[in-house]
Amino acid sequence: MEYTISTNDPTEIKVGAKGIEDILQCVRTILGTIEGSVPLDRRFGISSDVIDEPLNRMDRIYEEIYRKVETYEPRVNITSIKVKTDNAEGKANIIVGVRINEEYL
């Protein structure tokens, strides 16, 4: 089964989340964290260098998302990354599709 996580999703943390809920929350945390902001793991999160790229350079953020999710959340495989842009606002919503590895279900 495939799940989607959006950078527009609420970012509250549910303490004690288990199973699928925990896995999806962890991916959401990776996407919502800026690299360098976690004191004991400065490489955790998405690099601000790619976040500040123009919308026509989204290839760099795709690479960053694949690399970081693969490193920090091995319980999932990314199946898709889509970007919905709002050019008037200069914002992008990134939607990541993931499939949870069977051994973690």
N, C-alpha and C. Protein backbone atom coordinates (compact mmCIF):
# COMPACT_ATOMS: atom_id res chain seq x y z
N MET A 1 0.84 -1.18 0.00
CA MET A 1 0.00 0.00 0.00
C MET A 1 0.89 1.24 0.00
N GLU A 2 0.47 2.23 -0.76
CA GLU A 2 1.23 3.48 -0.83
C GLU A 2 0.56 4.56 0.01
N TYR A 3 1.40 5.35 0.67
CA TYR A 3 0.95 6.46 1.50
C TYR A 3 1.55 7.74 0.95
N THR A 4 0.88 8.85 1.17
CA THR A 4 1.43 10.13 0.73
C THR A 4 1.64 11.04 1.92
N ILE A 5 2.71 11.79 1.83
CA ILE A 5 3.06 12.77 2.86
C ILE A 5 3.29 14.08 2.13
N SER A 6 2.70 15.13 2.63
CA SER A 6 2.80 16.44 2.01
C SER A 6 3.51 17.40 2.95
N THR A 7 4.26 18.32 2.38
CA THR A 7 4.90 19.32 3.21
C THR A 7 3.88 20.30 3.78
N ASN A 8 2.64 20.21 3.33
CA ASN A 8 1.56 21.02 3.89
C ASN A 8 0.82 20.30 5.01
N ASP A 9 1.18 19.03 5.28
CA ASP A 9 0.54 18.28 6.37
C ASP A 9 0.84 18.94 7.72
N PRO A 10 -0.06 18.81 8.68
CA PRO A 10 0.23 19.30 10.03
C PRO A 10 1.49 18.61 10.58
N THR A 11 2.27 19.33 11.34
CA THR A 11 3.56 18.80 11.80
C THR A 11 3.59 18.43 13.28
N GLU A 12 2.42 18.38 13.92
CA GLU A 12 2.44 18.02 15.34
C GLU A 12 2.95 16.59 15.51
N ILE A 13 3.62 16.38 16.63
CA ILE A 13 4.21 15.08 16.94
C ILE A 13 3.28 14.34 17.89
N LYS A 14 2.94 13.11 17.54
CA LYS A 14 2.14 12.28 18.43
C LYS A 14 3.10 11.38 19.20
N VAL A 15 3.31 11.69 20.46
CA VAL A 15 4.19 10.89 21.30
C VAL A 15 3.56 9.51 21.48
N GLY A 16 4.36 8.48 21.27
CA GLY A 16 3.87 7.12 21.43
C GLY A 16 3.25 6.54 20.17
N ALA A 17 3.39 7.24 19.04
CA ALA A 17 2.86 6.70 17.78
C ALA A 17 3.53 5.36 17.51
N LYS A 18 2.77 4.46 16.92
CA LYS A 18 3.28 3.12 16.64
C LYS A 18 2.94 2.72 15.21
N GLY A 19 3.66 1.73 14.71
CA GLY A 19 3.35 1.15 13.41
C GLY A 19 3.42 2.14 12.27
N ILE A 20 2.43 2.07 11.41
CA ILE A 20 2.39 2.92 10.21
C ILE A 20 2.38 4.39 10.59
N GLU A 21 1.62 4.73 11.61
CA GLU A 21 1.54 6.13 12.05
C GLU A 21 2.93 6.66 12.44
N ASP A 22 3.71 5.87 13.14
CA ASP A 22 5.07 6.26 13.53
C ASP A 22 5.96 6.44 12.31
N ILE A 23 5.89 5.52 11.38
CA ILE A 23 6.74 5.59 10.19
C ILE A 23 6.44 6.84 9.37
N LEU A 24 5.16 7.11 9.14
CA LEU A 24 4.78 8.29 8.36
C LEU A 24 5.14 9.58 9.09
N GLN A 25 5.00 9.56 10.42
CA GLN A 25 5.39 10.73 11.21
C GLN A 25 6.89 10.98 11.09
N CYS A 26 7.69 9.93 11.06
CA CYS A 26 9.14 10.08 10.93
C CYS A 26 9.51 10.67 9.57
N VAL A 27 8.86 10.23 8.50
CA VAL A 27 9.13 10.80 7.18
C VAL A 27 8.73 12.27 7.17
N ARG A 28 7.58 12.58 7.73
CA ARG A 28 7.12 13.97 7.80
C ARG A 28 8.12 14.84 8.57
N THR A 29 8.70 14.27 9.62
CA THR A 29 9.69 15.00 10.41
C THR A 29 10.95 15.30 9.59
N ILE A 30 11.40 14.33 8.81
CA ILE A 30 12.56 14.55 7.94
C ILE A 30 12.27 15.70 6.97
N LEU A 31 11.10 15.66 6.33
CA LEU A 31 10.74 16.68 5.35
C LEU A 31 10.58 18.06 5.97
N GLY A 32 10.17 18.11 7.24
CA GLY A 32 9.91 19.39 7.90
C GLY A 32 11.05 19.94 8.73
N THR A 33 12.21 19.28 8.66
CA THR A 33 13.35 19.72 9.47
C THR A 33 14.44 20.28 8.56
N ILE A 34 15.00 21.40 8.94
CA ILE A 34 16.10 22.00 8.20
C ILE A 34 17.41 21.39 8.68
N GLU A 35 18.23 20.94 7.75
CA GLU A 35 19.54 20.37 8.09
C GLU A 35 20.33 21.38 8.92
N GLY A 36 20.96 20.88 9.97
CA GLY A 36 21.76 21.73 10.85
C GLY A 36 21.02 22.17 12.10
N SER A 37 19.71 21.90 12.17
CA SER A 37 18.94 22.38 13.31
C SER A 37 18.79 21.36 14.44
N VAL A 38 19.27 20.15 14.23
CA VAL A 38 19.19 19.12 15.28
C VAL A 38 20.56 19.03 15.95
N PRO A 39 20.65 19.40 17.22
CA PRO A 39 21.96 19.52 17.88
C PRO A 39 22.84 18.28 17.84
N LEU A 40 22.30 17.09 18.00
CA LEU A 40 23.16 15.92 18.06
C LEU A 40 23.29 15.20 16.72
N ASP A 41 22.64 15.71 15.68
CA ASP A 41 22.78 15.15 14.34
C ASP A 41 22.57 16.28 13.32
N ARG A 42 23.61 17.03 13.07
CA ARG A 42 23.52 18.21 12.21
C ARG A 42 23.20 17.88 10.75
N ARG A 43 23.33 16.61 10.34
CA ARG A 43 23.01 16.23 8.96
C ARG A 43 21.55 15.84 8.77
N PHE A 44 20.80 15.71 9.86
CA PHE A 44 19.39 15.34 9.78
C PHE A 44 18.59 16.48 9.15
N GLY A 45 17.63 16.16 8.30
CA GLY A 45 16.75 17.16 7.70
C GLY A 45 17.18 17.51 6.29
N ILE A 46 16.43 18.42 5.70
CA ILE A 46 16.62 18.84 4.31
C ILE A 46 17.49 20.09 4.28
N SER A 47 18.47 20.08 3.40
CA SER A 47 19.40 21.20 3.29
C SER A 47 18.69 22.49 2.88
N SER A 48 19.01 23.56 3.56
CA SER A 48 18.42 24.85 3.21
C SER A 48 18.91 25.32 1.84
N ASP A 49 20.03 24.81 1.37
CA ASP A 49 20.52 25.17 0.04
C ASP A 49 19.52 24.77 -1.04
N VAL A 50 18.94 23.58 -0.92
CA VAL A 50 17.98 23.15 -1.94
C VAL A 50 16.60 23.75 -1.72
N ILE A 51 16.27 24.05 -0.48
CA ILE A 51 14.96 24.65 -0.20
C ILE A 51 14.87 26.03 -0.84
N ASP A 52 15.98 26.75 -0.86
CA ASP A 52 15.98 28.10 -1.40
C ASP A 52 16.22 28.16 -2.90
N GLU A 53 16.30 27.01 -3.57
CA GLU A 53 16.49 26.98 -5.02
C GLU A 53 15.23 27.51 -5.72
N PRO A 54 15.40 28.08 -6.90
CA PRO A 54 14.21 28.48 -7.68
C PRO A 54 13.36 27.24 -8.00
N LEU A 55 12.08 27.45 -8.23
CA LEU A 55 11.17 26.34 -8.48
C LEU A 55 11.54 25.53 -9.72
N ASN A 56 12.28 26.12 -10.66
CA ASN A 56 12.68 25.37 -11.85
C ASN A 56 13.91 24.48 -11.59
N ARG A 57 14.40 24.44 -10.38
CA ARG A 57 15.54 23.59 -10.00
C ARG A 57 15.11 22.53 -8.98
N MET A 58 13.92 22.03 -9.11
CA MET A 58 13.39 21.06 -8.16
C MET A 58 14.14 19.73 -8.21
N ASP A 59 14.90 19.48 -9.26
CA ASP A 59 15.67 18.23 -9.33
C ASP A 59 16.59 18.09 -8.13
N ARG A 60 17.13 19.18 -7.65
CA ARG A 60 18.02 19.12 -6.48
C ARG A 60 17.28 18.72 -5.22
N ILE A 61 16.06 19.18 -5.06
CA ILE A 61 15.31 18.80 -3.86
C ILE A 61 14.85 17.35 -3.95
N TYR A 62 14.54 16.86 -5.16
CA TYR A 62 14.21 15.44 -5.33
C TYR A 62 15.36 14.58 -4.83
N GLU A 63 16.56 14.90 -5.28
CA GLU A 63 17.76 14.14 -4.88
C GLU A 63 17.95 14.19 -3.36
N GLU A 64 17.77 15.36 -2.79
CA GLU A 64 17.95 15.54 -1.35
C GLU A 64 16.92 14.71 -0.58
N ILE A 65 15.67 14.73 -1.01
CA ILE A 65 14.63 13.97 -0.33
C ILE A 65 14.93 12.48 -0.41
N TYR A 66 15.26 11.98 -1.60
CA TYR A 66 15.59 10.56 -1.73
C TYR A 66 16.74 10.18 -0.79
N ARG A 67 17.79 10.98 -0.80
CA ARG A 67 18.98 10.67 0.00
C ARG A 67 18.67 10.68 1.49
N LYS A 68 17.96 11.69 1.96
CA LYS A 68 17.70 11.82 3.39
C LYS A 68 16.70 10.78 3.89
N VAL A 69 15.67 10.51 3.13
CA VAL A 69 14.70 9.50 3.57
C VAL A 69 15.36 8.12 3.55
N GLU A 70 16.15 7.83 2.54
CA GLU A 70 16.86 6.55 2.49
C GLU A 70 17.79 6.39 3.69
N THR A 71 18.45 7.46 4.09
CA THR A 71 19.39 7.42 5.21
C THR A 71 18.68 7.31 6.56
N TYR A 72 17.65 8.13 6.76
CA TYR A 72 17.06 8.26 8.09
C TYR A 72 15.77 7.47 8.31
N GLU A 73 15.17 6.96 7.24
CA GLU A 73 13.95 6.17 7.42
C GLU A 73 13.97 4.96 6.48
N PRO A 74 14.80 3.97 6.82
CA PRO A 74 14.95 2.79 5.95
C PRO A 74 13.72 1.89 5.93
N ARG A 75 12.70 2.21 6.73
CA ARG A 75 11.49 1.39 6.73
C ARG A 75 10.59 1.66 5.52
N VAL A 76 10.93 2.69 4.72
CA VAL A 76 10.11 3.01 3.55
C VAL A 76 10.95 3.09 2.28
N ASN A 77 10.27 2.97 1.17
CA ASN A 77 10.85 3.25 -0.15
C ASN A 77 10.01 4.36 -0.76
N ILE A 78 10.67 5.35 -1.33
CA ILE A 78 9.95 6.42 -2.00
C ILE A 78 9.47 5.91 -3.35
N THR A 79 8.18 6.13 -3.62
CA THR A 79 7.60 5.70 -4.90
C THR A 79 7.38 6.88 -5.84
N SER A 80 7.25 8.08 -5.28
CA SER A 80 7.05 9.26 -6.12
C SER A 80 7.33 10.53 -5.33
N ILE A 81 7.69 11.55 -6.08
CA ILE A 81 7.79 12.90 -5.51
C ILE A 81 7.14 13.82 -6.53
N LYS A 82 6.16 14.58 -6.06
CA LYS A 82 5.47 15.53 -6.93
C LYS A 82 5.56 16.91 -6.28
N VAL A 83 5.56 17.91 -7.12
CA VAL A 83 5.61 19.27 -6.62
C VAL A 83 4.42 20.04 -7.20
N LYS A 84 3.68 20.67 -6.30
CA LYS A 84 2.61 21.57 -6.72
C LYS A 84 3.09 22.97 -6.36
N THR A 85 3.15 23.81 -7.37
CA THR A 85 3.68 25.17 -7.14
C THR A 85 2.57 26.19 -7.13
N ASP A 86 2.81 27.23 -6.36
CA ASP A 86 1.96 28.40 -6.34
C ASP A 86 2.87 29.56 -6.72
N ASN A 87 2.92 29.83 -8.02
CA ASN A 87 3.85 30.85 -8.52
C ASN A 87 3.54 32.24 -7.97
N ALA A 88 2.27 32.52 -7.73
CA ALA A 88 1.90 33.83 -7.20
C ALA A 88 2.50 34.04 -5.81
N GLU A 89 2.51 32.98 -5.01
CA GLU A 89 3.06 33.05 -3.65
C GLU A 89 4.54 32.68 -3.61
N GLY A 90 5.04 32.05 -4.67
CA GLY A 90 6.44 31.60 -4.67
C GLY A 90 6.67 30.42 -3.75
N LYS A 91 5.63 29.57 -3.61
CA LYS A 91 5.70 28.44 -2.69
C LYS A 91 5.54 27.13 -3.46
N ALA A 92 6.07 26.09 -2.87
CA ALA A 92 5.91 24.76 -3.43
C ALA A 92 5.44 23.80 -2.34
N ASN A 93 4.51 22.94 -2.69
CA ASN A 93 4.07 21.87 -1.80
C ASN A 93 4.65 20.58 -2.38
N ILE A 94 5.44 19.89 -1.60
CA ILE A 94 6.06 18.65 -2.06
C ILE A 94 5.26 17.49 -1.49
N ILE A 95 4.87 16.59 -2.38
CA ILE A 95 4.07 15.43 -2.00
C ILE A 95 4.92 14.19 -2.29
N VAL A 96 5.21 13.44 -1.24
CA VAL A 96 6.07 12.27 -1.35
C VAL A 96 5.22 11.02 -1.16
N GLY A 97 5.30 10.11 -2.14
CA GLY A 97 4.64 8.81 -2.02
C GLY A 97 5.64 7.80 -1.46
N VAL A 98 5.22 7.03 -0.48
CA VAL A 98 6.10 6.02 0.10
C VAL A 98 5.37 4.68 0.21
N ARG A 99 6.14 3.64 0.14
CA ARG A 99 5.64 2.30 0.39
C ARG A 99 6.45 1.76 1.58
N ILE A 100 5.73 1.26 2.57
CA ILE A 100 6.40 0.73 3.77
C ILE A 100 6.89 -0.67 3.47
N ASN A 101 8.15 -0.92 3.82
CA ASN A 101 8.73 -2.25 3.61
C ASN A 101 7.96 -3.28 4.42
N GLU A 102 7.64 -4.40 3.80
CA GLU A 102 6.77 -5.43 4.40
C GLU A 102 7.25 -5.89 5.77
N GLU A 103 8.53 -5.94 6.00
CA GLU A 103 9.03 -6.44 7.27
C GLU A 103 8.64 -5.54 8.45
N TYR A 104 8.18 -4.31 8.17
CA TYR A 104 7.81 -3.38 9.23
C TYR A 104 6.31 -3.27 9.43
N LEU A 105 5.54 -4.04 8.65
CA LEU A 105 4.08 -3.99 8.80
C LEU A 105 3.60 -4.97 9.86
